[in-house]
Amino acid sequence: MRSDIFIILGVSLLLTLLLELAFSLLAGLRGAKVLCLVALVNALTNPPVVLLYTLFPTLAAKILLEVGAVLIEGLIYQKCALALKRPYLFSLGANAFSYFVGAMLGRLV
């Protein structure tokens, strides 16, 4: 069971990084600094969200955790990525894209 959580965390983080970086490029973000920030922000928020959801797998927890991630990421983008005009909207879009594409891929597996 212990190694299962590490696999879940690793796969989730890798998929999230790929999807949110792809979303960033589709949204027109360019430059190593801002793309690195996107990666670091997701490395910060994804593991706790996935771990907490694994421990508390309810719809209410999922909603609360996703809203929390969007708000925390939006705040970090607001403070650190001055090129982002609407950091919370970007965070919401990136997280929604990642969540729904990940859910679709999960149904295929």
PDB file of N, CA and C in Angstrom:
ATOM      1  N   MET A   1       0.826  -1.198   0.000  1.00  0.00           N
ATOM      2  CA  MET A   1       0.000   0.000   0.000  1.00  0.00           C
ATOM      3  C   MET A   1       0.867   1.257   0.000  1.00  0.00           C
ATOM      4  N   ARG A   2       1.962   1.225   0.734  1.00  0.00           N
ATOM      5  CA  ARG A   2       2.814   2.403   0.859  1.00  0.00           C
ATOM      6  C   ARG A   2       3.393   2.830  -0.487  1.00  0.00           C
ATOM      7  N   SER A   3       3.861   1.874  -1.287  1.00  0.00           N
ATOM      8  CA  SER A   3       4.425   2.224  -2.592  1.00  0.00           C
ATOM      9  C   SER A   3       3.330   2.658  -3.561  1.00  0.00           C
ATOM     10  N   ASP A   4       2.094   2.197  -3.345  1.00  0.00           N
ATOM     11  CA  ASP A   4       0.992   2.610  -4.209  1.00  0.00           C
ATOM     12  C   ASP A   4       0.779   4.114  -4.150  1.00  0.00           C
ATOM     13  N   ILE A   5       0.854   4.699  -2.973  1.00  0.00           N
ATOM     14  CA  ILE A   5       0.618   6.135  -2.851  1.00  0.00           C
ATOM     15  C   ILE A   5       1.711   6.919  -3.571  1.00  0.00           C
ATOM     16  N   PHE A   6       2.939   6.416  -3.539  1.00  0.00           N
ATOM     17  CA  PHE A   6       4.023   7.105  -4.246  1.00  0.00           C
ATOM     18  C   PHE A   6       3.812   7.027  -5.756  1.00  0.00           C
ATOM     19  N   ILE A   7       3.312   5.917  -6.222  1.00  0.00           N
ATOM     20  CA  ILE A   7       3.005   5.784  -7.649  1.00  0.00           C
ATOM     21  C   ILE A   7       1.877   6.738  -8.030  1.00  0.00           C
ATOM     22  N   ILE A   8       0.838   6.772  -7.225  1.00  0.00           N
ATOM     23  CA  ILE A   8      -0.291   7.677  -7.472  1.00  0.00           C
ATOM     24  C   ILE A   8       0.189   9.129  -7.480  1.00  0.00           C
ATOM     25  N   LEU A   9       0.975   9.504  -6.483  1.00  0.00           N
ATOM     26  CA  LEU A   9       1.483  10.878  -6.404  1.00  0.00           C
ATOM     27  C   LEU A   9       2.364  11.217  -7.604  1.00  0.00           C
ATOM     28  N   GLY A  10       3.246  10.290  -7.974  1.00  0.00           N
ATOM     29  CA  GLY A  10       4.156  10.540  -9.090  1.00  0.00           C
ATOM     30  C   GLY A  10       3.438  10.665 -10.421  1.00  0.00           C
ATOM     31  N   VAL A  11       2.527   9.752 -10.690  1.00  0.00           N
ATOM     32  CA  VAL A  11       1.778   9.783 -11.951  1.00  0.00           C
ATOM     33  C   VAL A  11       0.910  11.039 -12.012  1.00  0.00           C
ATOM     34  N   SER A  12       0.256  11.354 -10.914  1.00  0.00           N
ATOM     35  CA  SER A  12      -0.600  12.531 -10.876  1.00  0.00           C
ATOM     36  C   SER A  12       0.205  13.807 -11.111  1.00  0.00           C
ATOM     37  N   LEU A  13       1.346  13.921 -10.466  1.00  0.00           N
ATOM     38  CA  LEU A  13       2.172  15.120 -10.637  1.00  0.00           C
ATOM     39  C   LEU A  13       2.692  15.220 -12.065  1.00  0.00           C
ATOM     40  N   LEU A  14       3.172  14.122 -12.607  1.00  0.00           N
ATOM     41  CA  LEU A  14       3.690  14.138 -13.978  1.00  0.00           C
ATOM     42  C   LEU A  14       2.596  14.532 -14.967  1.00  0.00           C
ATOM     43  N   LEU A  15       1.427  13.929 -14.842  1.00  0.00           N
ATOM     44  CA  LEU A  15       0.324  14.247 -15.733  1.00  0.00           C
ATOM     45  C   LEU A  15      -0.113  15.704 -15.573  1.00  0.00           C
ATOM     46  N   THR A  16      -0.192  16.161 -14.337  1.00  0.00           N
ATOM     47  CA  THR A  16      -0.577  17.553 -14.084  1.00  0.00           C
ATOM     48  C   THR A  16       0.431  18.522 -14.696  1.00  0.00           C
ATOM     49  N   LEU A  17       1.712  18.235 -14.524  1.00  0.00           N
ATOM     50  CA  LEU A  17       2.736  19.102 -15.107  1.00  0.00           C
ATOM     51  C   LEU A  17       2.603  19.160 -16.624  1.00  0.00           C
ATOM     52  N   LEU A  18       2.458  18.016 -17.250  1.00  0.00           N
ATOM     53  CA  LEU A  18       2.324  17.982 -18.710  1.00  0.00           C
ATOM     54  C   LEU A  18       1.084  18.748 -19.171  1.00  0.00           C
ATOM     55  N   LEU A  19      -0.029  18.513 -18.528  1.00  0.00           N
ATOM     56  CA  LEU A  19      -1.272  19.145 -18.948  1.00  0.00           C
ATOM     57  C   LEU A  19      -1.293  20.648 -18.662  1.00  0.00           C
ATOM     58  N   GLU A  20      -0.822  21.053 -17.505  1.00  0.00           N
ATOM     59  CA  GLU A  20      -0.877  22.482 -17.188  1.00  0.00           C
ATOM     60  C   GLU A  20       0.175  23.274 -17.946  1.00  0.00           C
ATOM     61  N   LEU A  21       1.305  22.659 -18.259  1.00  0.00           N
ATOM     62  CA  LEU A  21       2.273  23.338 -19.121  1.00  0.00           C
ATOM     63  C   LEU A  21       1.722  23.441 -20.547  1.00  0.00           C
ATOM     64  N   ALA A  22       1.039  22.406 -21.016  1.00  0.00           N
ATOM     65  CA  ALA A  22       0.397  22.467 -22.333  1.00  0.00           C
ATOM     66  C   ALA A  22      -0.664  23.565 -22.349  1.00  0.00           C
ATOM     67  N   PHE A  23      -1.473  23.645 -21.289  1.00  0.00           N
ATOM     68  CA  PHE A  23      -2.480  24.698 -21.189  1.00  0.00           C
ATOM     69  C   PHE A  23      -1.815  26.067 -21.209  1.00  0.00           C
ATOM     70  N   SER A  24      -0.709  26.199 -20.510  1.00  0.00           N
ATOM     71  CA  SER A  24       0.016  27.477 -20.467  1.00  0.00           C
ATOM     72  C   SER A  24       0.456  27.899 -21.863  1.00  0.00           C
ATOM     73  N   LEU A  25       0.989  26.955 -22.610  1.00  0.00           N
ATOM     74  CA  LEU A  25       1.417  27.259 -23.975  1.00  0.00           C
ATOM     75  C   LEU A  25       0.217  27.614 -24.851  1.00  0.00           C
ATOM     76  N   LEU A  26      -0.880  26.884 -24.706  1.00  0.00           N
ATOM     77  CA  LEU A  26      -2.098  27.186 -25.457  1.00  0.00           C
ATOM     78  C   LEU A  26      -2.667  28.554 -25.078  1.00  0.00           C
ATOM     79  N   ALA A  27      -2.459  28.963 -23.836  1.00  0.00           N
ATOM     80  CA  ALA A  27      -2.935  30.258 -23.362  1.00  0.00           C
ATOM     81  C   ALA A  27      -1.997  31.398 -23.777  1.00  0.00           C
ATOM     82  N   GLY A  28      -0.899  31.040 -24.440  1.00  0.00           N
ATOM     83  CA  GLY A  28       0.002  32.069 -24.951  1.00  0.00           C
ATOM     84  C   GLY A  28       1.169  32.428 -24.058  1.00  0.00           C
ATOM     85  N   LEU A  29       1.344  31.696 -22.968  1.00  0.00           N
ATOM     86  CA  LEU A  29       2.480  31.983 -22.102  1.00  0.00           C
ATOM     87  C   LEU A  29       3.761  31.493 -22.760  1.00  0.00           C
ATOM     88  N   ARG A  30       4.765  32.318 -22.704  1.00  0.00           N
ATOM     89  CA  ARG A  30       6.062  31.974 -23.270  1.00  0.00           C
ATOM     90  C   ARG A  30       7.135  32.413 -22.288  1.00  0.00           C
ATOM     91  N   GLY A  31       8.267  31.824 -22.399  1.00  0.00           N
ATOM     92  CA  GLY A  31       9.388  32.205 -21.552  1.00  0.00           C
ATOM     93  C   GLY A  31       9.636  31.186 -20.455  1.00  0.00           C
ATOM     94  N   ALA A  32      10.915  30.951 -20.235  1.00  0.00           N
ATOM     95  CA  ALA A  32      11.318  29.941 -19.261  1.00  0.00           C
ATOM     96  C   ALA A  32      10.868  30.277 -17.848  1.00  0.00           C
ATOM     97  N   LYS A  33      10.913  31.553 -17.474  1.00  0.00           N
ATOM     98  CA  LYS A  33      10.576  31.912 -16.091  1.00  0.00           C
ATOM     99  C   LYS A  33       9.120  31.610 -15.756  1.00  0.00           C
ATOM    100  N   VAL A  34       8.209  32.010 -16.621  1.00  0.00           N
ATOM    101  CA  VAL A  34       6.796  31.801 -16.308  1.00  0.00           C
ATOM    102  C   VAL A  34       6.424  30.324 -16.409  1.00  0.00           C
ATOM    103  N   LEU A  35       7.002  29.598 -17.367  1.00  0.00           N
ATOM    104  CA  LEU A  35       6.717  28.170 -17.465  1.00  0.00           C
ATOM    105  C   LEU A  35       7.321  27.400 -16.291  1.00  0.00           C
ATOM    106  N   CYS A  36       8.480  27.832 -15.842  1.00  0.00           N
ATOM    107  CA  CYS A  36       9.083  27.232 -14.652  1.00  0.00           C
ATOM    108  C   CYS A  36       8.207  27.501 -13.429  1.00  0.00           C
ATOM    109  N   LEU A  37       7.651  28.713 -13.350  1.00  0.00           N
ATOM    110  CA  LEU A  37       6.749  29.041 -12.243  1.00  0.00           C
ATOM    111  C   LEU A  37       5.526  28.130 -12.258  1.00  0.00           C
ATOM    112  N   VAL A  38       4.956  27.907 -13.429  1.00  0.00           N
ATOM    113  CA  VAL A  38       3.801  27.008 -13.534  1.00  0.00           C
ATOM    114  C   VAL A  38       4.169  25.616 -13.009  1.00  0.00           C
ATOM    115  N   ALA A  39       5.329  25.131 -13.412  1.00  0.00           N
ATOM    116  CA  ALA A  39       5.768  23.809 -12.950  1.00  0.00           C
ATOM    117  C   ALA A  39       5.974  23.793 -11.433  1.00  0.00           C
ATOM    118  N   LEU A  40       6.620  24.806 -10.900  1.00  0.00           N
ATOM    119  CA  LEU A  40       6.882  24.849  -9.453  1.00  0.00           C
ATOM    120  C   LEU A  40       5.600  24.977  -8.642  1.00  0.00           C
ATOM    121  N   VAL A  41       4.674  25.792  -9.122  1.00  0.00           N
ATOM    122  CA  VAL A  41       3.399  25.964  -8.420  1.00  0.00           C
ATOM    123  C   VAL A  41       2.663  24.626  -8.354  1.00  0.00           C
ATOM    124  N   ASN A  42       2.681  23.890  -9.455  1.00  0.00           N
ATOM    125  CA  ASN A  42       2.003  22.595  -9.462  1.00  0.00           C
ATOM    126  C   ASN A  42       2.731  21.558  -8.621  1.00  0.00           C
ATOM    127  N   ALA A  43       4.046  21.637  -8.587  1.00  0.00           N
ATOM    128  CA  ALA A  43       4.811  20.730  -7.721  1.00  0.00           C
ATOM    129  C   ALA A  43       4.511  21.019  -6.247  1.00  0.00           C
ATOM    130  N   LEU A  44       4.146  22.256  -5.953  1.00  0.00           N
ATOM    131  CA  LEU A  44       3.797  22.639  -4.585  1.00  0.00           C
ATOM    132  C   LEU A  44       2.382  22.204  -4.205  1.00  0.00           C
ATOM    133  N   THR A  45       1.429  22.365  -5.113  1.00  0.00           N
ATOM    134  CA  THR A  45       0.029  22.133  -4.744  1.00  0.00           C
ATOM    135  C   THR A  45      -0.489  20.731  -5.060  1.00  0.00           C
ATOM    136  N   ASN A  46       0.005  20.109  -6.115  1.00  0.00           N
ATOM    137  CA  ASN A  46      -0.553  18.821  -6.531  1.00  0.00           C
ATOM    138  C   ASN A  46      -0.369  17.707  -5.498  1.00  0.00           C
ATOM    139  N   PRO A  47       0.840  17.474  -4.982  1.00  0.00           N
ATOM    140  CA  PRO A  47       0.984  16.354  -4.032  1.00  0.00           C
ATOM    141  C   PRO A  47       0.083  16.447  -2.794  1.00  0.00           C
ATOM    142  N   PRO A  48      -0.030  17.612  -2.131  1.00  0.00           N
ATOM    143  CA  PRO A  48      -0.941  17.648  -0.977  1.00  0.00           C
ATOM    144  C   PRO A  48      -2.405  17.410  -1.354  1.00  0.00           C
ATOM    145  N   VAL A  49      -2.822  17.954  -2.501  1.00  0.00           N
ATOM    146  CA  VAL A  49      -4.211  17.762  -2.932  1.00  0.00           C
ATOM    147  C   VAL A  49      -4.477  16.283  -3.194  1.00  0.00           C
ATOM    148  N   VAL A  50      -3.593  15.638  -3.918  1.00  0.00           N
ATOM    149  CA  VAL A  50      -3.780  14.216  -4.246  1.00  0.00           C
ATOM    150  C   VAL A  50      -3.716  13.358  -2.981  1.00  0.00           C
ATOM    151  N   LEU A  51      -2.768  13.640  -2.111  1.00  0.00           N
ATOM    152  CA  LEU A  51      -2.651  12.869  -0.870  1.00  0.00           C
ATOM    153  C   LEU A  51      -3.897  13.030   0.002  1.00  0.00           C
ATOM    154  N   LEU A  52      -4.350  14.261   0.182  1.00  0.00           N
ATOM    155  CA  LEU A  52      -5.537  14.482   1.012  1.00  0.00           C
ATOM    156  C   LEU A  52      -6.782  13.850   0.396  1.00  0.00           C
ATOM    157  N   TYR A  53      -6.896  13.920  -0.933  1.00  0.00           N
ATOM    158  CA  TYR A  53      -8.047  13.283  -1.560  1.00  0.00           C
ATOM    159  C   TYR A  53      -7.979  11.764  -1.434  1.00  0.00           C
ATOM    160  N   THR A  54      -6.771  11.214  -1.470  1.00  0.00           N
ATOM    161  CA  THR A  54      -6.607   9.771  -1.296  1.00  0.00           C
ATOM    162  C   THR A  54      -7.034   9.359   0.113  1.00  0.00           C
ATOM    163  N   LEU A  55      -6.764  10.205   1.085  1.00  0.00           N
ATOM    164  CA  LEU A  55      -7.143   9.910   2.472  1.00  0.00           C
ATOM    165  C   LEU A  55      -8.624  10.170   2.747  1.00  0.00           C
ATOM    166  N   PHE A  56      -9.200  11.155   2.039  1.00  0.00           N
ATOM    167  CA  PHE A  56     -10.601  11.550   2.254  1.00  0.00           C
ATOM    168  C   PHE A  56     -11.331  11.608   0.906  1.00  0.00           C
ATOM    169  N   PRO A  57     -11.634  10.450   0.327  1.00  0.00           N
ATOM    170  CA  PRO A  57     -12.180  10.411  -1.036  1.00  0.00           C
ATOM    171  C   PRO A  57     -13.684  10.694  -1.115  1.00  0.00           C
ATOM    172  N   THR A  58     -14.052  11.922  -0.827  1.00  0.00           N
ATOM    173  CA  THR A  58     -15.454  12.316  -0.945  1.00  0.00           C
ATOM    174  C   THR A  58     -15.567  13.452  -1.949  1.00  0.00           C
ATOM    175  N   LEU A  59     -16.762  13.656  -2.469  1.00  0.00           N
ATOM    176  CA  LEU A  59     -16.992  14.749  -3.411  1.00  0.00           C
ATOM    177  C   LEU A  59     -16.734  16.096  -2.746  1.00  0.00           C
ATOM    178  N   ALA A  60     -17.151  16.229  -1.496  1.00  0.00           N
ATOM    179  CA  ALA A  60     -16.937  17.492  -0.779  1.00  0.00           C
ATOM    180  C   ALA A  60     -15.442  17.786  -0.627  1.00  0.00           C
ATOM    181  N   ALA A  61     -14.661  16.762  -0.301  1.00  0.00           N
ATOM    182  CA  ALA A  61     -13.209  16.955  -0.172  1.00  0.00           C
ATOM    183  C   ALA A  61     -12.601  17.332  -1.514  1.00  0.00           C
ATOM    184  N   LYS A  62     -13.037  16.658  -2.562  1.00  0.00           N
ATOM    185  CA  LYS A  62     -12.507  16.948  -3.901  1.00  0.00           C
ATOM    186  C   LYS A  62     -12.776  18.407  -4.273  1.00  0.00           C
ATOM    187  N   ILE A  63     -13.992  18.857  -4.068  1.00  0.00           N
ATOM    188  CA  ILE A  63     -14.348  20.243  -4.403  1.00  0.00           C
ATOM    189  C   ILE A  63     -13.541  21.222  -3.565  1.00  0.00           C
ATOM    190  N   LEU A  64     -13.486  20.984  -2.270  1.00  0.00           N
ATOM    191  CA  LEU A  64     -12.743  21.868  -1.374  1.00  0.00           C
ATOM    192  C   LEU A  64     -11.262  21.915  -1.737  1.00  0.00           C
ATOM    193  N   LEU A  65     -10.675  20.776  -2.011  1.00  0.00           N
ATOM    194  CA  LEU A  65      -9.252  20.712  -2.363  1.00  0.00           C
ATOM    195  C   LEU A  65      -8.972  21.407  -3.690  1.00  0.00           C
ATOM    196  N   GLU A  66      -9.830  21.200  -4.686  1.00  0.00           N
ATOM    197  CA  GLU A  66      -9.625  21.846  -5.987  1.00  0.00           C
ATOM    198  C   GLU A  66      -9.795  23.361  -5.882  1.00  0.00           C
ATOM    199  N   VAL A  67     -10.796  23.812  -5.148  1.00  0.00           N
ATOM    200  CA  VAL A  67     -10.984  25.256  -4.950  1.00  0.00           C
ATOM    201  C   VAL A  67      -9.776  25.836  -4.222  1.00  0.00           C
ATOM    202  N   GLY A  68      -9.302  25.142  -3.212  1.00  0.00           N
ATOM    203  CA  GLY A  68      -8.114  25.593  -2.483  1.00  0.00           C
ATOM    204  C   GLY A  68      -6.896  25.690  -3.389  1.00  0.00           C
ATOM    205  N   ALA A  69      -6.709  24.700  -4.241  1.00  0.00           N
ATOM    206  CA  ALA A  69      -5.570  24.722  -5.170  1.00  0.00           C
ATOM    207  C   ALA A  69      -5.668  25.899  -6.125  1.00  0.00           C
ATOM    208  N   VAL A  70      -6.861  26.146  -6.670  1.00  0.00           N
ATOM    209  CA  VAL A  70      -7.052  27.276  -7.583  1.00  0.00           C
ATOM    210  C   VAL A  70      -6.727  28.589  -6.881  1.00  0.00           C
ATOM    211  N   LEU A  71      -7.191  28.755  -5.658  1.00  0.00           N
ATOM    212  CA  LEU A  71      -6.947  30.005  -4.923  1.00  0.00           C
ATOM    213  C   LEU A  71      -5.474  30.187  -4.572  1.00  0.00           C
ATOM    214  N   ILE A  72      -4.842  29.133  -4.092  1.00  0.00           N
ATOM    215  CA  ILE A  72      -3.418  29.225  -3.737  1.00  0.00           C
ATOM    216  C   ILE A  72      -2.573  29.490  -4.980  1.00  0.00           C
ATOM    217  N   GLU A  73      -2.839  28.750  -6.046  1.00  0.00           N
ATOM    218  CA  GLU A  73      -2.078  28.956  -7.276  1.00  0.00           C
ATOM    219  C   GLU A  73      -2.323  30.356  -7.832  1.00  0.00           C
ATOM    220  N   GLY A  74      -3.575  30.809  -7.807  1.00  0.00           N
ATOM    221  CA  GLY A  74      -3.893  32.155  -8.285  1.00  0.00           C
ATOM    222  C   GLY A  74      -3.146  33.222  -7.502  1.00  0.00           C
ATOM    223  N   LEU A  75      -3.070  33.046  -6.189  1.00  0.00           N
ATOM    224  CA  LEU A  75      -2.338  33.999  -5.347  1.00  0.00           C
ATOM    225  C   LEU A  75      -0.849  34.015  -5.703  1.00  0.00           C
ATOM    226  N   ILE A  76      -0.275  32.851  -5.888  1.00  0.00           N
ATOM    227  CA  ILE A  76       1.148  32.781  -6.246  1.00  0.00           C
ATOM    228  C   ILE A  76       1.374  33.423  -7.611  1.00  0.00           C
ATOM    229  N   TYR A  77       0.504  33.110  -8.572  1.00  0.00           N
ATOM    230  CA  TYR A  77       0.638  33.732  -9.890  1.00  0.00           C
ATOM    231  C   TYR A  77       0.491  35.256  -9.795  1.00  0.00           C
ATOM    232  N   GLN A  78      -0.422  35.712  -8.971  1.00  0.00           N
ATOM    233  CA  GLN A  78      -0.634  37.152  -8.805  1.00  0.00           C
ATOM    234  C   GLN A  78       0.621  37.830  -8.258  1.00  0.00           C
ATOM    235  N   LYS A  79       1.276  37.180  -7.320  1.00  0.00           N
ATOM    236  CA  LYS A  79       2.458  37.771  -6.680  1.00  0.00           C
ATOM    237  C   LYS A  79       3.726  37.626  -7.518  1.00  0.00           C
ATOM    238  N   CYS A  80       3.812  36.545  -8.298  1.00  0.00           N
ATOM    239  CA  CYS A  80       5.081  36.216  -8.960  1.00  0.00           C
ATOM    240  C   CYS A  80       5.076  36.351 -10.479  1.00  0.00           C
ATOM    241  N   ALA A  81       3.925  36.239 -11.098  1.00  0.00           N
ATOM    242  CA  ALA A  81       3.866  36.269 -12.566  1.00  0.00           C
ATOM    243  C   ALA A  81       3.141  37.526 -13.010  1.00  0.00           C
ATOM    244  N   LEU A  82       3.864  38.616 -13.036  1.00  0.00           N
ATOM    245  CA  LEU A  82       3.244  39.896 -13.368  1.00  0.00           C
ATOM    246  C   LEU A  82       2.729  39.919 -14.805  1.00  0.00           C
ATOM    247  N   ALA A  83       3.221  39.034 -15.658  1.00  0.00           N
ATOM    248  CA  ALA A  83       2.766  38.974 -17.049  1.00  0.00           C
ATOM    249  C   ALA A  83       1.337  38.425 -17.151  1.00  0.00           C
ATOM    250  N   LEU A  84       0.888  37.715 -16.134  1.00  0.00           N
ATOM    251  CA  LEU A  84      -0.477  37.183 -16.145  1.00  0.00           C
ATOM    252  C   LEU A  84      -1.451  38.286 -15.745  1.00  0.00           C
ATOM    253  N   LYS A  85      -2.329  38.633 -16.664  1.00  0.00           N
ATOM    254  CA  LYS A  85      -3.304  39.710 -16.399  1.00  0.00           C
ATOM    255  C   LYS A  85      -4.405  39.262 -15.438  1.00  0.00           C
ATOM    256  N   ARG A  86      -4.816  38.014 -15.558  1.00  0.00           N
ATOM    257  CA  ARG A  86      -5.882  37.461 -14.703  1.00  0.00           C
ATOM    258  C   ARG A  86      -5.385  36.159 -14.080  1.00  0.00           C
ATOM    259  N   PRO A  87      -4.590  36.238 -13.025  1.00  0.00           N
ATOM    260  CA  PRO A  87      -3.959  35.033 -12.468  1.00  0.00           C
ATOM    261  C   PRO A  87      -4.946  33.994 -11.927  1.00  0.00           C
ATOM    262  N   TYR A  88      -6.050  34.448 -11.331  1.00  0.00           N
ATOM    263  CA  TYR A  88      -7.007  33.480 -10.787  1.00  0.00           C
ATOM    264  C   TYR A  88      -7.782  32.790 -11.909  1.00  0.00           C
ATOM    265  N   LEU A  89      -8.094  33.524 -12.955  1.00  0.00           N
ATOM    266  CA  LEU A  89      -8.761  32.924 -14.102  1.00  0.00           C
ATOM    267  C   LEU A  89      -7.834  31.928 -14.798  1.00  0.00           C
ATOM    268  N   PHE A  90      -6.557  32.286 -14.907  1.00  0.00           N
ATOM    269  CA  PHE A  90      -5.582  31.348 -15.471  1.00  0.00           C
ATOM    270  C   PHE A  90      -5.504  30.086 -14.616  1.00  0.00           C
ATOM    271  N   SER A  91      -5.435  30.252 -13.302  1.00  0.00           N
ATOM    272  CA  SER A  91      -5.363  29.107 -12.393  1.00  0.00           C
ATOM    273  C   SER A  91      -6.605  28.226 -12.538  1.00  0.00           C
ATOM    274  N   LEU A  92      -7.763  28.839 -12.603  1.00  0.00           N
ATOM    275  CA  LEU A  92      -9.006  28.083 -12.770  1.00  0.00           C
ATOM    276  C   LEU A  92      -9.001  27.327 -14.096  1.00  0.00           C
ATOM    277  N   GLY A  93      -8.604  27.992 -15.167  1.00  0.00           N
ATOM    278  CA  GLY A  93      -8.574  27.350 -16.480  1.00  0.00           C
ATOM    279  C   GLY A  93      -7.585  26.198 -16.537  1.00  0.00           C
ATOM    280  N   ALA A  94      -6.397  26.419 -16.004  1.00  0.00           N
ATOM    281  CA  ALA A  94      -5.368  25.379 -16.019  1.00  0.00           C
ATOM    282  C   ALA A  94      -5.800  24.171 -15.192  1.00  0.00           C
ATOM    283  N   ASN A  95      -6.364  24.431 -14.033  1.00  0.00           N
ATOM    284  CA  ASN A  95      -6.804  23.332 -13.172  1.00  0.00           C
ATOM    285  C   ASN A  95      -7.998  22.590 -13.763  1.00  0.00           C
ATOM    286  N   ALA A  96      -8.932  23.313 -14.353  1.00  0.00           N
ATOM    287  CA  ALA A  96     -10.086  22.665 -14.975  1.00  0.00           C
ATOM    288  C   ALA A  96      -9.636  21.807 -16.157  1.00  0.00           C
ATOM    289  N   PHE A  97      -8.746  22.349 -16.981  1.00  0.00           N
ATOM    290  CA  PHE A  97      -8.215  21.603 -18.121  1.00  0.00           C
ATOM    291  C   PHE A  97      -7.528  20.332 -17.640  1.00  0.00           C
ATOM    292  N   SER A  98      -6.652  20.474 -16.666  1.00  0.00           N
ATOM    293  CA  SER A  98      -5.911  19.336 -16.130  1.00  0.00           C
ATOM    294  C   SER A  98      -6.856  18.307 -15.503  1.00  0.00           C
ATOM    295  N   TYR A  99      -7.811  18.771 -14.741  1.00  0.00           N
ATOM    296  CA  TYR A  99      -8.730  17.875 -14.053  1.00  0.00           C
ATOM    297  C   TYR A  99      -9.563  17.069 -15.054  1.00  0.00           C
ATOM    298  N   PHE A 100     -10.176  17.761 -16.021  1.00  0.00           N
ATOM    299  CA  PHE A 100     -11.084  17.080 -16.937  1.00  0.00           C
ATOM    300  C   PHE A 100     -10.348  16.188 -17.942  1.00  0.00           C
ATOM    301  N   VAL A 101      -9.201  16.629 -18.436  1.00  0.00           N
ATOM    302  CA  VAL A 101      -8.428  15.763 -19.336  1.00  0.00           C
ATOM    303  C   VAL A 101      -7.921  14.545 -18.555  1.00  0.00           C
ATOM    304  N   GLY A 102      -7.459  14.778 -17.323  1.00  0.00           N
ATOM    305  CA  GLY A 102      -7.020  13.659 -16.478  1.00  0.00           C
ATOM    306  C   GLY A 102      -8.141  12.686 -16.197  1.00  0.00           C
ATOM    307  N   ALA A 103      -9.333  13.195 -15.949  1.00  0.00           N
ATOM    308  CA  ALA A 103     -10.496  12.327 -15.699  1.00  0.00           C
ATOM    309  C   ALA A 103     -10.838  11.505 -16.943  1.00  0.00           C
ATOM    310  N   MET A 104     -10.763  12.133 -18.112  1.00  0.00           N
ATOM    311  CA  MET A 104     -11.033  11.399 -19.356  1.00  0.00           C
ATOM    312  C   MET A 104      -9.986  10.313 -19.588  1.00  0.00           C
ATOM    313  N   LEU A 105      -8.721  10.643 -19.337  1.00  0.00           N
ATOM    314  CA  LEU A 105      -7.668   9.646 -19.493  1.00  0.00           C
ATOM    315  C   LEU A 105      -7.835   8.515 -18.487  1.00  0.00           C
ATOM    316  N   GLY A 106      -8.260   8.850 -17.269  1.00  0.00           N
ATOM    317  CA  GLY A 106      -8.493   7.837 -16.246  1.00  0.00           C
ATOM    318  C   GLY A 106      -9.585   6.856 -16.639  1.00  0.00           C
ATOM    319  N   ARG A 107     -10.577   7.307 -17.370  1.00  0.00           N
ATOM    320  CA  ARG A 107     -11.649   6.410 -17.829  1.00  0.00           C
ATOM    321  C   ARG A 107     -11.164   5.464 -18.926  1.00  0.00           C
ATOM    322  N   LEU A 108     -10.126   5.909 -19.657  1.00  0.00           N
ATOM    323  CA  LEU A 108      -9.594   5.069 -20.719  1.00  0.00           C
ATOM    324  C   LEU A 108      -8.684   3.964 -20.188  1.00  0.00           C
ATOM    325  N   VAL A 109      -8.118   4.204 -19.011  1.00  0.00           N
ATOM    326  CA  VAL A 109      -7.163   3.248 -18.437  1.00  0.00           C
ATOM    327  C   VAL A 109      -7.873   2.184 -17.642  1.00  0.00           C
TER     328      VAL A 109
END
